[in-house]
Amino acid sequence: MAAFLISLQLLPLVLLSPFLWAAVALVAAAAAVAWRDCRTASAELPIISARRRVLELSTLLLMPALLLACGEYFSLARAPFPYLDEVLMALNGTMFVQTALAAWLTWRHRNRLSSTFLVAEISVWWCGAAYVLAGMAVTGNWL
């Protein structure tokens, strides 16, 4: 629970990091392509029920929760961790998976683009905060 609260406190700080803006730009590019495709082929869009849409968009909570769990685990007092580089690469991969998932869901739910885009960008932003928190916990360097 503490990691969740700290990640919310880190949200303004994460706005200064370039990796977040790269993730936001990728999701925005997917939204721009989806918007263009939605205008040209609106009759061919798949009809997705509201229940399924909510379930699919809720998958965007998985990666931030995984990063927060990692942050909780590594914040415990312990001896120096020998596989620091591998864990940091896994954190980078988790952030990449979150960005790719958000972009794909933005494309998939292009018939309701504005709300999907908003949810995707907020989830990427929160994942960025969880990424910073987990990175601080793994390295032991706290702000």
N, C-alpha and C. Protein backbone atom coordinates (compact mmCIF):
# COMPACT_ATOMS: atom_id res chain seq x y z
N MET A 1 0.82 -1.20 0.00
CA MET A 1 0.00 0.00 0.00
C MET A 1 0.86 1.25 0.00
N ALA A 2 1.99 1.17 0.67
CA ALA A 2 2.87 2.34 0.73
C ALA A 2 3.45 2.64 -0.65
N ALA A 3 3.76 1.61 -1.41
CA ALA A 3 4.30 1.83 -2.75
C ALA A 3 3.28 2.52 -3.64
N PHE A 4 2.02 2.17 -3.49
CA PHE A 4 0.97 2.82 -4.28
C PHE A 4 0.89 4.31 -3.97
N LEU A 5 0.93 4.66 -2.70
CA LEU A 5 0.86 6.06 -2.31
C LEU A 5 2.09 6.84 -2.77
N ILE A 6 3.25 6.21 -2.66
CA ILE A 6 4.47 6.88 -3.13
C ILE A 6 4.43 7.07 -4.63
N SER A 7 3.89 6.09 -5.36
CA SER A 7 3.81 6.24 -6.83
C SER A 7 2.88 7.39 -7.20
N LEU A 8 1.84 7.60 -6.43
CA LEU A 8 0.96 8.74 -6.71
C LEU A 8 1.68 10.06 -6.42
N GLN A 9 2.53 10.07 -5.41
CA GLN A 9 3.29 11.28 -5.10
C GLN A 9 4.36 11.56 -6.15
N LEU A 10 4.81 10.52 -6.84
CA LEU A 10 5.84 10.68 -7.87
C LEU A 10 5.28 11.13 -9.22
N LEU A 11 3.97 11.15 -9.38
CA LEU A 11 3.38 11.50 -10.67
C LEU A 11 3.85 12.85 -11.21
N PRO A 12 3.89 13.93 -10.41
CA PRO A 12 4.40 15.19 -10.97
C PRO A 12 5.88 15.13 -11.34
N LEU A 13 6.67 14.40 -10.59
CA LEU A 13 8.09 14.29 -10.87
C LEU A 13 8.36 13.55 -12.17
N VAL A 14 7.55 12.56 -12.46
CA VAL A 14 7.75 11.74 -13.65
C VAL A 14 7.52 12.55 -14.93
N LEU A 15 6.78 13.64 -14.83
CA LEU A 15 6.56 14.48 -16.01
C LEU A 15 7.86 15.06 -16.56
N LEU A 16 8.92 15.06 -15.77
CA LEU A 16 10.20 15.60 -16.21
C LEU A 16 11.10 14.57 -16.88
N SER A 17 10.67 13.32 -16.94
CA SER A 17 11.56 12.28 -17.47
C SER A 17 11.29 12.02 -18.96
N PRO A 18 12.35 11.87 -19.74
CA PRO A 18 12.17 11.67 -21.18
C PRO A 18 11.56 10.33 -21.55
N PHE A 19 11.75 9.29 -20.75
CA PHE A 19 11.16 8.00 -21.11
C PHE A 19 9.64 8.07 -21.07
N LEU A 20 9.09 8.87 -20.17
CA LEU A 20 7.64 9.01 -20.13
C LEU A 20 7.14 9.70 -21.39
N TRP A 21 7.84 10.74 -21.82
CA TRP A 21 7.40 11.46 -23.02
C TRP A 21 7.55 10.60 -24.27
N ALA A 22 8.53 9.71 -24.29
CA ALA A 22 8.64 8.78 -25.42
C ALA A 22 7.45 7.82 -25.43
N ALA A 23 7.06 7.33 -24.26
CA ALA A 23 5.91 6.43 -24.17
C ALA A 23 4.62 7.16 -24.55
N VAL A 24 4.47 8.39 -24.06
CA VAL A 24 3.28 9.19 -24.40
C VAL A 24 3.22 9.44 -25.90
N ALA A 25 4.37 9.71 -26.51
CA ALA A 25 4.40 9.97 -27.96
C ALA A 25 4.03 8.72 -28.75
N LEU A 26 4.47 7.55 -28.30
CA LEU A 26 4.11 6.32 -29.01
C LEU A 26 2.61 6.04 -28.93
N VAL A 27 2.03 6.24 -27.77
CA VAL A 27 0.58 6.03 -27.63
C VAL A 27 -0.19 7.09 -28.42
N ALA A 28 0.31 8.32 -28.42
CA ALA A 28 -0.35 9.38 -29.20
C ALA A 28 -0.24 9.10 -30.70
N ALA A 29 0.88 8.55 -31.15
CA ALA A 29 1.01 8.19 -32.56
C ALA A 29 0.02 7.08 -32.93
N ALA A 30 -0.14 6.12 -32.05
CA ALA A 30 -1.12 5.06 -32.30
C ALA A 30 -2.53 5.64 -32.33
N ALA A 31 -2.81 6.60 -31.47
CA ALA A 31 -4.13 7.24 -31.47
C ALA A 31 -4.35 8.05 -32.74
N ALA A 32 -3.31 8.71 -33.23
CA ALA A 32 -3.45 9.48 -34.46
C ALA A 32 -3.74 8.58 -35.64
N VAL A 33 -3.05 7.47 -35.72
CA VAL A 33 -3.30 6.52 -36.81
C VAL A 33 -4.69 5.91 -36.66
N ALA A 34 -5.08 5.60 -35.43
CA ALA A 34 -6.41 5.04 -35.20
C ALA A 34 -7.50 6.04 -35.56
N TRP A 35 -7.28 7.31 -35.25
CA TRP A 35 -8.27 8.34 -35.58
C TRP A 35 -8.41 8.49 -37.09
N ARG A 36 -7.28 8.47 -37.78
CA ARG A 36 -7.33 8.56 -39.24
C ARG A 36 -8.06 7.35 -39.83
N ASP A 37 -7.78 6.17 -39.32
CA ASP A 37 -8.43 4.96 -39.82
C ASP A 37 -9.90 4.95 -39.45
N CYS A 38 -10.25 5.47 -38.29
CA CYS A 38 -11.65 5.49 -37.85
C CYS A 38 -12.49 6.40 -38.73
N ARG A 39 -11.90 7.50 -39.19
CA ARG A 39 -12.64 8.42 -40.06
C ARG A 39 -12.86 7.83 -41.44
N THR A 40 -11.89 7.07 -41.95
CA THR A 40 -12.00 6.57 -43.31
C THR A 40 -12.80 5.28 -43.41
N ALA A 41 -12.79 4.46 -42.37
CA ALA A 41 -13.47 3.16 -42.44
C ALA A 41 -14.31 2.93 -41.20
N SER A 42 -15.20 3.84 -40.91
CA SER A 42 -15.98 3.72 -39.67
C SER A 42 -16.98 2.57 -39.72
N ALA A 43 -17.44 2.18 -40.89
CA ALA A 43 -18.42 1.09 -40.99
C ALA A 43 -17.77 -0.26 -40.74
N GLU A 44 -16.47 -0.37 -40.90
CA GLU A 44 -15.79 -1.65 -40.75
C GLU A 44 -15.25 -1.88 -39.35
N LEU A 45 -15.46 -0.95 -38.42
CA LEU A 45 -14.93 -1.09 -37.07
C LEU A 45 -15.65 -2.22 -36.33
N PRO A 46 -14.90 -3.01 -35.56
CA PRO A 46 -15.55 -4.08 -34.80
C PRO A 46 -16.39 -3.51 -33.67
N ILE A 47 -17.50 -4.16 -33.39
CA ILE A 47 -18.36 -3.75 -32.29
C ILE A 47 -17.95 -4.56 -31.06
N ILE A 48 -17.53 -3.86 -30.03
CA ILE A 48 -17.06 -4.50 -28.81
C ILE A 48 -17.98 -4.08 -27.68
N SER A 49 -18.42 -5.06 -26.90
CA SER A 49 -19.33 -4.74 -25.80
C SER A 49 -18.60 -3.91 -24.74
N ALA A 50 -19.40 -3.19 -23.97
CA ALA A 50 -18.83 -2.33 -22.93
C ALA A 50 -18.12 -3.16 -21.86
N ARG A 51 -18.66 -4.31 -21.55
CA ARG A 51 -18.06 -5.17 -20.54
C ARG A 51 -16.68 -5.66 -20.99
N ARG A 52 -16.60 -6.09 -22.23
CA ARG A 52 -15.32 -6.56 -22.76
C ARG A 52 -14.31 -5.41 -22.85
N ARG A 53 -14.79 -4.24 -23.22
CA ARG A 53 -13.91 -3.08 -23.32
C ARG A 53 -13.31 -2.73 -21.96
N VAL A 54 -14.14 -2.74 -20.93
CA VAL A 54 -13.65 -2.45 -19.58
C VAL A 54 -12.65 -3.52 -19.13
N LEU A 55 -12.93 -4.77 -19.42
CA LEU A 55 -12.01 -5.83 -19.05
C LEU A 55 -10.67 -5.70 -19.77
N GLU A 56 -10.72 -5.36 -21.06
CA GLU A 56 -9.48 -5.21 -21.80
C GLU A 56 -8.69 -3.99 -21.33
N LEU A 57 -9.37 -2.90 -21.05
CA LEU A 57 -8.66 -1.71 -20.57
C LEU A 57 -8.13 -1.90 -19.15
N SER A 58 -8.75 -2.78 -18.38
CA SER A 58 -8.25 -3.04 -17.03
C SER A 58 -6.92 -3.79 -17.05
N THR A 59 -6.57 -4.39 -18.18
CA THR A 59 -5.25 -5.03 -18.26
C THR A 59 -4.13 -3.99 -18.17
N LEU A 60 -4.46 -2.73 -18.40
CA LEU A 60 -3.45 -1.68 -18.27
C LEU A 60 -3.02 -1.47 -16.82
N LEU A 61 -3.71 -2.07 -15.88
CA LEU A 61 -3.33 -1.98 -14.47
C LEU A 61 -2.30 -3.02 -14.07
N LEU A 62 -2.07 -4.02 -14.92
CA LEU A 62 -1.19 -5.13 -14.55
C LEU A 62 0.28 -4.71 -14.42
N MET A 63 0.78 -3.99 -15.40
CA MET A 63 2.20 -3.62 -15.36
C MET A 63 2.54 -2.65 -14.22
N PRO A 64 1.72 -1.61 -13.98
CA PRO A 64 2.03 -0.79 -12.80
C PRO A 64 1.96 -1.58 -11.49
N ALA A 65 1.01 -2.50 -11.39
CA ALA A 65 0.93 -3.32 -10.18
C ALA A 65 2.15 -4.21 -10.04
N LEU A 66 2.64 -4.74 -11.14
CA LEU A 66 3.85 -5.56 -11.10
C LEU A 66 5.06 -4.72 -10.68
N LEU A 67 5.17 -3.52 -11.22
CA LEU A 67 6.28 -2.64 -10.84
C LEU A 67 6.19 -2.22 -9.37
N LEU A 68 4.98 -1.97 -8.89
CA LEU A 68 4.83 -1.61 -7.47
C LEU A 68 5.17 -2.78 -6.57
N ALA A 69 4.80 -3.99 -6.97
CA ALA A 69 5.17 -5.17 -6.19
C ALA A 69 6.69 -5.36 -6.17
N CYS A 70 7.32 -5.10 -7.29
CA CYS A 70 8.78 -5.16 -7.36
C CYS A 70 9.40 -4.12 -6.44
N GLY A 71 8.83 -2.92 -6.44
CA GLY A 71 9.33 -1.87 -5.56
C GLY A 71 9.16 -2.22 -4.10
N GLU A 72 8.04 -2.83 -3.75
CA GLU A 72 7.82 -3.26 -2.36
C GLU A 72 8.83 -4.33 -1.96
N TYR A 73 9.06 -5.26 -2.86
CA TYR A 73 9.98 -6.35 -2.54
C TYR A 73 11.40 -5.84 -2.33
N PHE A 74 11.86 -4.99 -3.23
CA PHE A 74 13.25 -4.54 -3.16
C PHE A 74 13.46 -3.41 -2.15
N SER A 75 12.39 -2.84 -1.62
CA SER A 75 12.57 -1.78 -0.62
C SER A 75 12.86 -2.34 0.76
N LEU A 76 12.68 -3.64 0.94
CA LEU A 76 12.98 -4.27 2.23
C LEU A 76 14.49 -4.23 2.48
N ALA A 77 14.87 -4.14 3.73
CA ALA A 77 16.29 -4.13 4.08
C ALA A 77 16.90 -5.48 3.73
N ARG A 78 17.99 -5.44 3.00
CA ARG A 78 18.62 -6.68 2.55
C ARG A 78 20.08 -6.40 2.19
N ALA A 79 20.78 -7.47 1.89
CA ALA A 79 22.17 -7.35 1.43
C ALA A 79 22.15 -6.82 -0.01
N PRO A 80 23.27 -6.32 -0.51
CA PRO A 80 23.31 -5.83 -1.90
C PRO A 80 22.88 -6.92 -2.89
N PHE A 81 22.09 -6.53 -3.85
CA PHE A 81 21.53 -7.48 -4.81
C PHE A 81 22.53 -7.73 -5.93
N PRO A 82 22.89 -9.00 -6.20
CA PRO A 82 23.93 -9.27 -7.19
C PRO A 82 23.50 -9.11 -8.65
N TYR A 83 22.21 -9.18 -8.94
CA TYR A 83 21.73 -9.13 -10.32
C TYR A 83 21.05 -7.80 -10.63
N LEU A 84 21.70 -6.73 -10.28
CA LEU A 84 21.11 -5.41 -10.42
C LEU A 84 20.82 -5.06 -11.88
N ASP A 85 21.76 -5.33 -12.76
CA ASP A 85 21.57 -4.98 -14.17
C ASP A 85 20.40 -5.74 -14.80
N GLU A 86 20.27 -7.01 -14.45
CA GLU A 86 19.19 -7.81 -15.01
C GLU A 86 17.82 -7.32 -14.52
N VAL A 87 17.75 -6.96 -13.27
CA VAL A 87 16.48 -6.46 -12.72
C VAL A 87 16.12 -5.12 -13.37
N LEU A 88 17.10 -4.25 -13.55
CA LEU A 88 16.82 -2.96 -14.20
C LEU A 88 16.39 -3.16 -15.66
N MET A 89 16.95 -4.15 -16.34
CA MET A 89 16.51 -4.44 -17.71
C MET A 89 15.07 -4.98 -17.71
N ALA A 90 14.74 -5.78 -16.69
CA ALA A 90 13.36 -6.28 -16.58
C ALA A 90 12.39 -5.12 -16.33
N LEU A 91 12.81 -4.14 -15.54
CA LEU A 91 11.96 -2.97 -15.31
C LEU A 91 11.76 -2.20 -16.61
N ASN A 92 12.83 -2.04 -17.39
CA ASN A 92 12.71 -1.38 -18.69
C ASN A 92 11.76 -2.14 -19.60
N GLY A 93 11.88 -3.47 -19.61
CA GLY A 93 11.00 -4.29 -20.42
C GLY A 93 9.54 -4.17 -19.99
N THR A 94 9.31 -4.07 -18.70
CA THR A 94 7.95 -3.91 -18.19
C THR A 94 7.34 -2.59 -18.66
N MET A 95 8.14 -1.53 -18.63
CA MET A 95 7.65 -0.24 -19.12
C MET A 95 7.37 -0.28 -20.61
N PHE A 96 8.22 -0.99 -21.36
CA PHE A 96 8.00 -1.14 -22.80
C PHE A 96 6.72 -1.93 -23.07
N VAL A 97 6.49 -3.00 -22.33
CA VAL A 97 5.28 -3.80 -22.52
C VAL A 97 4.03 -2.96 -22.22
N GLN A 98 4.10 -2.13 -21.17
CA GLN A 98 2.97 -1.26 -20.84
C GLN A 98 2.68 -0.30 -21.98
N THR A 99 3.73 0.29 -22.55
CA THR A 99 3.55 1.23 -23.65
C THR A 99 2.98 0.54 -24.87
N ALA A 100 3.49 -0.64 -25.20
CA ALA A 100 2.99 -1.39 -26.35
C ALA A 100 1.53 -1.81 -26.14
N LEU A 101 1.20 -2.24 -24.94
CA LEU A 101 -0.18 -2.63 -24.63
C LEU A 101 -1.13 -1.44 -24.73
N ALA A 102 -0.70 -0.30 -24.22
CA ALA A 102 -1.54 0.90 -24.28
C ALA A 102 -1.75 1.34 -25.73
N ALA A 103 -0.70 1.28 -26.54
CA ALA A 103 -0.83 1.64 -27.95
C ALA A 103 -1.75 0.67 -28.68
N TRP A 104 -1.60 -0.63 -28.41
CA TRP A 104 -2.45 -1.61 -29.08
C TRP A 104 -3.91 -1.47 -28.67
N LEU A 105 -4.17 -1.25 -27.39
CA LEU A 105 -5.55 -1.08 -26.95
C LEU A 105 -6.15 0.21 -27.49
N THR A 106 -5.33 1.24 -27.65
CA THR A 106 -5.82 2.48 -28.27
C THR A 106 -6.25 2.20 -29.71
N TRP A 107 -5.46 1.40 -30.41
CA TRP A 107 -5.82 1.03 -31.78
C TRP A 107 -7.06 0.13 -31.79
N ARG A 108 -7.11 -0.84 -30.91
CA ARG A 108 -8.22 -1.81 -30.90
C ARG A 108 -9.55 -1.13 -30.59
N HIS A 109 -9.56 -0.19 -29.69
CA HIS A 109 -10.79 0.48 -29.28
C HIS A 109 -10.90 1.85 -29.92
N ARG A 110 -10.59 1.93 -31.19
CA ARG A 110 -10.59 3.22 -31.89
C ARG A 110 -11.98 3.76 -32.13
N ASN A 111 -13.01 2.94 -31.97
CA ASN A 111 -14.37 3.46 -32.13
C ASN A 111 -14.78 4.32 -30.93
N ARG A 112 -14.09 4.21 -29.82
CA ARG A 112 -14.26 5.09 -28.65
C ARG A 112 -12.89 5.66 -28.29
N LEU A 113 -12.35 6.40 -29.20
CA LEU A 113 -10.95 6.79 -29.13
C LEU A 113 -10.64 7.74 -27.99
N SER A 114 -11.50 8.71 -27.74
CA SER A 114 -11.15 9.73 -26.74
C SER A 114 -11.02 9.13 -25.34
N SER A 115 -11.97 8.32 -24.93
CA SER A 115 -11.89 7.73 -23.59
C SER A 115 -10.78 6.69 -23.50
N THR A 116 -10.60 5.93 -24.56
CA THR A 116 -9.52 4.94 -24.56
C THR A 116 -8.16 5.60 -24.51
N PHE A 117 -8.00 6.68 -25.27
CA PHE A 117 -6.73 7.40 -25.27
C PHE A 117 -6.45 7.99 -23.89
N LEU A 118 -7.45 8.54 -23.25
CA LEU A 118 -7.28 9.10 -21.92
C LEU A 118 -6.86 8.03 -20.91
N VAL A 119 -7.52 6.89 -20.93
CA VAL A 119 -7.18 5.80 -20.02
C VAL A 119 -5.78 5.28 -20.31
N ALA A 120 -5.43 5.15 -21.57
CA ALA A 120 -4.10 4.65 -21.94
C ALA A 120 -3.00 5.60 -21.49
N GLU A 121 -3.21 6.89 -21.68
CA GLU A 121 -2.18 7.85 -21.29
C GLU A 121 -2.04 7.93 -19.77
N ILE A 122 -3.13 7.88 -19.05
CA ILE A 122 -3.05 7.90 -17.59
C ILE A 122 -2.35 6.64 -17.07
N SER A 123 -2.63 5.50 -17.70
CA SER A 123 -1.97 4.27 -17.25
C SER A 123 -0.48 4.29 -17.56
N VAL A 124 -0.09 4.87 -18.69
CA VAL A 124 1.34 4.99 -18.99
C VAL A 124 2.01 5.94 -18.01
N TRP A 125 1.33 7.01 -17.66
CA TRP A 125 1.87 7.97 -16.70
C TRP A 125 2.06 7.32 -15.34
N TRP A 126 1.05 6.58 -14.87
CA TRP A 126 1.16 5.91 -13.59
C TRP A 126 2.23 4.81 -13.63
N CYS A 127 2.33 4.12 -14.75
CA CYS A 127 3.36 3.10 -14.90
C CYS A 127 4.74 3.75 -14.84
N GLY A 128 4.88 4.95 -15.39
CA GLY A 128 6.14 5.66 -15.30
C GLY A 128 6.51 5.97 -13.86
N ALA A 129 5.53 6.36 -13.06
CA ALA A 129 5.79 6.62 -11.64
C ALA A 129 6.17 5.33 -10.91
N ALA A 130 5.47 4.25 -11.23
CA ALA A 130 5.81 2.96 -10.61
C ALA A 130 7.20 2.49 -11.05
N TYR A 131 7.57 2.79 -12.29
CA TYR A 131 8.89 2.45 -12.81
C TYR A 131 9.99 3.20 -12.04
N VAL A 132 9.77 4.48 -11.81
CA VAL A 132 10.75 5.27 -11.04
C VAL A 132 10.85 4.74 -9.62
N LEU A 133 9.73 4.43 -9.01
CA LEU A 133 9.72 3.91 -7.66
C LEU A 133 10.45 2.58 -7.58
N ALA A 134 10.18 1.67 -8.50
CA ALA A 134 10.84 0.37 -8.50
C ALA A 134 12.33 0.53 -8.77
N GLY A 135 12.69 1.46 -9.66
CA GLY A 135 14.11 1.69 -9.92
C GLY A 135 14.84 2.23 -8.69
N MET A 136 14.19 3.10 -7.95
CA MET A 136 14.81 3.60 -6.72
C MET A 136 14.94 2.48 -5.68
N ALA A 137 13.93 1.62 -5.61
CA ALA A 137 13.99 0.53 -4.63
C ALA A 137 15.06 -0.48 -4.99
N VAL A 138 15.21 -0.79 -6.27
CA VAL A 138 16.21 -1.77 -6.69
C VAL A 138 17.62 -1.26 -6.44
N THR A 139 17.88 0.00 -6.81
CA THR A 139 19.23 0.53 -6.64
C THR A 139 19.51 1.01 -5.22
N GLY A 140 18.48 1.25 -4.45
CA GLY A 140 18.67 1.74 -3.09
C GLY A 140 18.94 3.24 -3.04
N ASN A 141 18.75 3.93 -4.14
CA ASN A 141 18.95 5.39 -4.20
C ASN A 141 17.59 6.07 -4.14
N TRP A 142 17.23 6.58 -3.00
CA TRP A 142 15.94 7.24 -2.82
C TRP A 142 16.11 8.74 -2.92
N LEU A 143 15.08 9.40 -3.44
CA LEU A 143 15.12 10.86 -3.55
C LEU A 143 15.03 11.51 -2.19
